[in-house]
Each structure stands twice: as structure tokens, then as C-alpha cells.
Amino acid sequence: MPGNYYDDLDARLGLDADLLGRLRNSDVLYDRDENGEYLQAYTESFAEGLFFEIVERRGYRSFGAVNAPIRIAAQTRRARQDERL
């Protein structure tokens, strides 16, 4: 995930520095709403674009839509890098 994702996340949600550091180090996406937290991670793509999404909802009732553009951009960037190899 791009580093500025975590800077923006901190500005938007004001997360604890320890949590923010763990999310950043693990490339885990995060969101929260009035009901809870949402953690989201992805495996590396394989077999021409297949990947697994790992989600943990802690009371969160939405679908993490705020993270979709970040994920798509990161996967597109990665696919372009892989094509160059």
C-alpha cells in the first residue's frame, strides 16, 4: 500500500500511533464506523490476477468502500511492475 494511505488514514481518523504503525508495517487497510472497526488485507496476485482478500469486521457494518480505490490503484501498480519483469 502507498505510504500516503496511512498518512491520510491518520489525518482522517486520528489513530493511535502504535496501531497506525502496525497497519503500515503489515499493509493492512483500515476503516471504522460508529459500530466498530474493519481491517482488510490482500494476498499477492497470482494465476493472472487471482488474489485473496482477508477481512476482519469488529462490529463494522459497512463494506470498506473507502478503501476500494486504494486497493485497485495498488494492484494496478503491482501488475504493471510485474509486466515489466
N, C-alpha and C. Protein backbone atom coordinates (compact mmCIF):
# COMPACT_ATOMS: atom_id res chain seq x y z
N MET A 1 0.84 -1.18 0.00
CA MET A 1 0.00 0.00 0.00
C MET A 1 0.89 1.25 0.00
N PRO A 2 0.44 2.28 -0.66
CA PRO A 2 1.24 3.50 -0.68
C PRO A 2 1.34 4.11 0.71
N GLY A 3 2.50 4.66 1.03
CA GLY A 3 2.72 5.24 2.35
C GLY A 3 1.76 6.36 2.70
N ASN A 4 1.36 7.13 1.69
CA ASN A 4 0.47 8.24 1.99
C ASN A 4 -0.93 7.77 2.40
N TYR A 5 -1.27 6.51 2.10
CA TYR A 5 -2.56 5.97 2.57
C TYR A 5 -2.62 6.07 4.09
N TYR A 6 -1.54 5.70 4.75
CA TYR A 6 -1.52 5.70 6.21
C TYR A 6 -1.45 7.11 6.78
N ASP A 7 -0.80 8.02 6.08
CA ASP A 7 -0.81 9.43 6.49
C ASP A 7 -2.23 9.99 6.41
N ASP A 8 -2.92 9.68 5.30
CA ASP A 8 -4.30 10.13 5.13
C ASP A 8 -5.22 9.49 6.16
N LEU A 9 -4.99 8.21 6.43
CA LEU A 9 -5.79 7.49 7.42
C LEU A 9 -5.66 8.15 8.78
N ASP A 10 -4.45 8.49 9.14
CA ASP A 10 -4.21 9.16 10.42
C ASP A 10 -4.91 10.51 10.46
N ALA A 11 -4.82 11.27 9.38
CA ALA A 11 -5.48 12.58 9.34
C ALA A 11 -7.00 12.44 9.43
N ARG A 12 -7.53 11.40 8.82
CA ARG A 12 -8.99 11.20 8.79
C ARG A 12 -9.53 10.66 10.11
N LEU A 13 -8.78 9.73 10.73
CA LEU A 13 -9.32 9.04 11.91
C LEU A 13 -8.55 9.28 13.20
N GLY A 14 -7.34 9.85 13.10
CA GLY A 14 -6.56 10.13 14.30
C GLY A 14 -6.26 8.87 15.11
N LEU A 15 -5.70 7.87 14.46
CA LEU A 15 -5.43 6.59 15.11
C LEU A 15 -4.25 6.68 16.08
N ASP A 16 -4.24 5.78 17.03
CA ASP A 16 -3.12 5.61 17.94
C ASP A 16 -1.87 5.30 17.11
N ALA A 17 -0.76 5.90 17.46
CA ALA A 17 0.48 5.75 16.69
C ALA A 17 0.93 4.29 16.59
N ASP A 18 0.74 3.52 17.65
CA ASP A 18 1.13 2.11 17.63
C ASP A 18 0.28 1.32 16.64
N LEU A 19 -1.02 1.53 16.66
CA LEU A 19 -1.92 0.85 15.72
C LEU A 19 -1.58 1.25 14.30
N LEU A 20 -1.39 2.52 14.07
CA LEU A 20 -1.06 3.01 12.73
C LEU A 20 0.24 2.38 12.23
N GLY A 21 1.23 2.27 13.08
CA GLY A 21 2.50 1.65 12.70
C GLY A 21 2.33 0.18 12.35
N ARG A 22 1.52 -0.54 13.12
CA ARG A 22 1.29 -1.96 12.83
C ARG A 22 0.54 -2.14 11.52
N LEU A 23 -0.44 -1.28 11.26
CA LEU A 23 -1.16 -1.36 9.99
C LEU A 23 -0.22 -1.10 8.83
N ARG A 24 0.59 -0.06 8.96
CA ARG A 24 1.54 0.31 7.90
C ARG A 24 2.55 -0.83 7.64
N ASN A 25 3.10 -1.38 8.69
CA ASN A 25 4.11 -2.44 8.54
C ASN A 25 3.54 -3.71 7.94
N SER A 26 2.25 -3.92 8.09
CA SER A 26 1.62 -5.14 7.60
C SER A 26 0.81 -4.94 6.32
N ASP A 27 0.79 -3.71 5.79
CA ASP A 27 -0.01 -3.39 4.60
C ASP A 27 -1.49 -3.74 4.79
N VAL A 28 -2.01 -3.43 5.96
CA VAL A 28 -3.42 -3.69 6.27
C VAL A 28 -4.19 -2.38 6.12
N LEU A 29 -5.29 -2.45 5.40
CA LEU A 29 -6.19 -1.30 5.26
C LEU A 29 -7.13 -1.27 6.45
N TYR A 30 -7.64 -0.09 6.75
CA TYR A 30 -8.44 0.09 7.97
C TYR A 30 -9.56 1.08 7.72
N ASP A 31 -10.66 0.84 8.38
CA ASP A 31 -11.74 1.81 8.43
C ASP A 31 -12.50 1.57 9.73
N ARG A 32 -13.29 2.53 10.10
CA ARG A 32 -14.17 2.34 11.25
C ARG A 32 -15.43 3.16 11.05
N ASP A 33 -16.47 2.73 11.70
CA ASP A 33 -17.72 3.48 11.72
C ASP A 33 -18.22 3.51 13.15
N GLU A 34 -19.44 3.96 13.35
CA GLU A 34 -19.97 4.10 14.70
C GLU A 34 -20.15 2.74 15.40
N ASN A 35 -20.09 1.65 14.64
CA ASN A 35 -20.30 0.32 15.21
C ASN A 35 -19.01 -0.46 15.47
N GLY A 36 -17.92 -0.10 14.81
CA GLY A 36 -16.70 -0.86 15.02
C GLY A 36 -15.63 -0.60 13.99
N GLU A 37 -14.71 -1.55 13.89
CA GLU A 37 -13.54 -1.43 13.03
C GLU A 37 -13.56 -2.46 11.90
N TYR A 38 -12.81 -2.15 10.84
CA TYR A 38 -12.72 -3.01 9.67
C TYR A 38 -11.25 -3.08 9.26
N LEU A 39 -10.72 -4.28 9.20
CA LEU A 39 -9.34 -4.50 8.77
C LEU A 39 -9.37 -5.34 7.50
N GLN A 40 -8.51 -5.01 6.56
CA GLN A 40 -8.57 -5.59 5.23
C GLN A 40 -7.15 -5.78 4.70
N ALA A 41 -6.86 -6.99 4.24
CA ALA A 41 -5.55 -7.28 3.67
C ALA A 41 -5.74 -8.13 2.42
N TYR A 42 -4.72 -8.12 1.56
CA TYR A 42 -4.78 -8.85 0.29
C TYR A 42 -3.51 -9.65 0.11
N THR A 43 -3.67 -10.82 -0.50
CA THR A 43 -2.50 -11.60 -0.87
C THR A 43 -1.92 -11.03 -2.15
N GLU A 44 -0.72 -11.43 -2.48
CA GLU A 44 -0.14 -11.10 -3.78
C GLU A 44 -1.00 -11.75 -4.86
N SER A 45 -1.10 -11.12 -6.00
CA SER A 45 -1.83 -11.70 -7.13
C SER A 45 -1.04 -12.86 -7.72
N PHE A 46 -1.76 -13.84 -8.20
CA PHE A 46 -1.14 -14.98 -8.87
C PHE A 46 -2.14 -15.50 -9.91
N ALA A 47 -1.70 -16.39 -10.75
CA ALA A 47 -2.57 -17.00 -11.77
C ALA A 47 -3.35 -15.94 -12.55
N GLU A 48 -2.60 -14.99 -13.11
CA GLU A 48 -3.19 -13.94 -13.94
C GLU A 48 -4.24 -13.09 -13.22
N GLY A 49 -3.91 -12.67 -12.02
CA GLY A 49 -4.75 -11.69 -11.33
C GLY A 49 -5.59 -12.21 -10.19
N LEU A 50 -5.55 -13.48 -9.90
CA LEU A 50 -6.30 -14.03 -8.78
C LEU A 50 -5.62 -13.62 -7.48
N PHE A 51 -6.41 -13.20 -6.50
CA PHE A 51 -5.88 -12.86 -5.19
C PHE A 51 -6.96 -13.15 -4.16
N PHE A 52 -6.55 -13.20 -2.92
CA PHE A 52 -7.49 -13.40 -1.82
C PHE A 52 -7.55 -12.14 -0.98
N GLU A 53 -8.75 -11.82 -0.55
CA GLU A 53 -8.98 -10.70 0.35
C GLU A 53 -9.26 -11.28 1.73
N ILE A 54 -8.62 -10.74 2.73
CA ILE A 54 -8.83 -11.18 4.11
C ILE A 54 -9.43 -10.00 4.86
N VAL A 55 -10.58 -10.23 5.47
CA VAL A 55 -11.32 -9.17 6.14
C VAL A 55 -11.62 -9.57 7.57
N GLU A 56 -11.46 -8.62 8.47
CA GLU A 56 -11.91 -8.80 9.85
C GLU A 56 -12.84 -7.64 10.19
N ARG A 57 -14.06 -7.98 10.54
CA ARG A 57 -15.03 -6.97 10.99
C ARG A 57 -15.14 -7.08 12.50
N ARG A 58 -14.97 -5.97 13.15
CA ARG A 58 -15.13 -5.89 14.60
C ARG A 58 -16.33 -5.01 14.90
N GLY A 59 -17.51 -5.50 14.52
CA GLY A 59 -18.74 -4.74 14.71
C GLY A 59 -19.06 -3.81 13.54
N TYR A 60 -18.13 -3.63 12.65
CA TYR A 60 -18.26 -2.76 11.48
C TYR A 60 -19.35 -3.30 10.57
N ARG A 61 -20.24 -2.44 10.10
CA ARG A 61 -21.39 -2.91 9.32
C ARG A 61 -21.34 -2.54 7.84
N SER A 62 -20.30 -1.86 7.41
CA SER A 62 -20.19 -1.48 6.00
C SER A 62 -19.29 -2.46 5.27
N PHE A 63 -18.80 -2.07 4.09
CA PHE A 63 -18.02 -2.97 3.27
C PHE A 63 -16.63 -2.44 2.93
N GLY A 64 -16.16 -1.41 3.61
CA GLY A 64 -14.83 -0.89 3.36
C GLY A 64 -14.69 -0.17 2.04
N ALA A 65 -15.78 0.39 1.54
CA ALA A 65 -15.76 1.05 0.23
C ALA A 65 -14.74 2.18 0.16
N VAL A 66 -14.46 2.82 1.27
CA VAL A 66 -13.49 3.92 1.28
C VAL A 66 -12.10 3.43 0.85
N ASN A 67 -11.82 2.14 1.04
CA ASN A 67 -10.50 1.59 0.70
C ASN A 67 -10.42 1.05 -0.73
N ALA A 68 -11.53 0.91 -1.41
CA ALA A 68 -11.53 0.29 -2.75
C ALA A 68 -10.60 1.01 -3.74
N PRO A 69 -10.65 2.33 -3.86
CA PRO A 69 -9.75 2.99 -4.83
C PRO A 69 -8.27 2.78 -4.50
N ILE A 70 -7.94 2.71 -3.23
CA ILE A 70 -6.55 2.50 -2.82
C ILE A 70 -6.11 1.10 -3.23
N ARG A 71 -6.94 0.11 -2.96
CA ARG A 71 -6.62 -1.27 -3.31
C ARG A 71 -6.46 -1.43 -4.81
N ILE A 72 -7.38 -0.88 -5.58
CA ILE A 72 -7.33 -1.01 -7.04
C ILE A 72 -6.07 -0.36 -7.60
N ALA A 73 -5.74 0.83 -7.11
CA ALA A 73 -4.53 1.51 -7.57
C ALA A 73 -3.28 0.72 -7.22
N ALA A 74 -3.22 0.16 -6.02
CA ALA A 74 -2.05 -0.61 -5.61
C ALA A 74 -1.91 -1.88 -6.45
N GLN A 75 -3.03 -2.55 -6.72
CA GLN A 75 -2.97 -3.77 -7.53
C GLN A 75 -2.61 -3.45 -8.98
N THR A 76 -3.10 -2.36 -9.51
CA THR A 76 -2.76 -1.96 -10.87
C THR A 76 -1.28 -1.63 -10.98
N ARG A 77 -0.76 -0.90 -10.00
CA ARG A 77 0.66 -0.57 -9.97
C ARG A 77 1.51 -1.84 -9.92
N ARG A 78 1.09 -2.78 -9.09
CA ARG A 78 1.83 -4.05 -8.95
C ARG A 78 1.79 -4.84 -10.26
N ALA A 79 0.63 -4.90 -10.91
CA ALA A 79 0.51 -5.64 -12.17
C ALA A 79 1.42 -5.03 -13.24
N ARG A 80 1.51 -3.72 -13.29
CA ARG A 80 2.38 -3.06 -14.27
C ARG A 80 3.85 -3.37 -13.98
N GLN A 81 4.21 -3.39 -12.72
CA GLN A 81 5.58 -3.74 -12.35
C GLN A 81 5.89 -5.18 -12.77
N ASP A 82 4.95 -6.08 -12.54
CA ASP A 82 5.15 -7.48 -12.90
C ASP A 82 5.28 -7.66 -14.41
N GLU A 83 4.55 -6.87 -15.18
CA GLU A 83 4.63 -6.96 -16.65
C GLU A 83 6.00 -6.55 -17.15
N ARG A 84 6.64 -5.64 -16.46
CA ARG A 84 7.97 -5.16 -16.88
C ARG A 84 9.05 -6.20 -16.63
N LEU A 85 8.79 -7.12 -15.72
CA LEU A 85 9.82 -8.13 -15.39
C LEU A 85 9.89 -9.17 -16.41
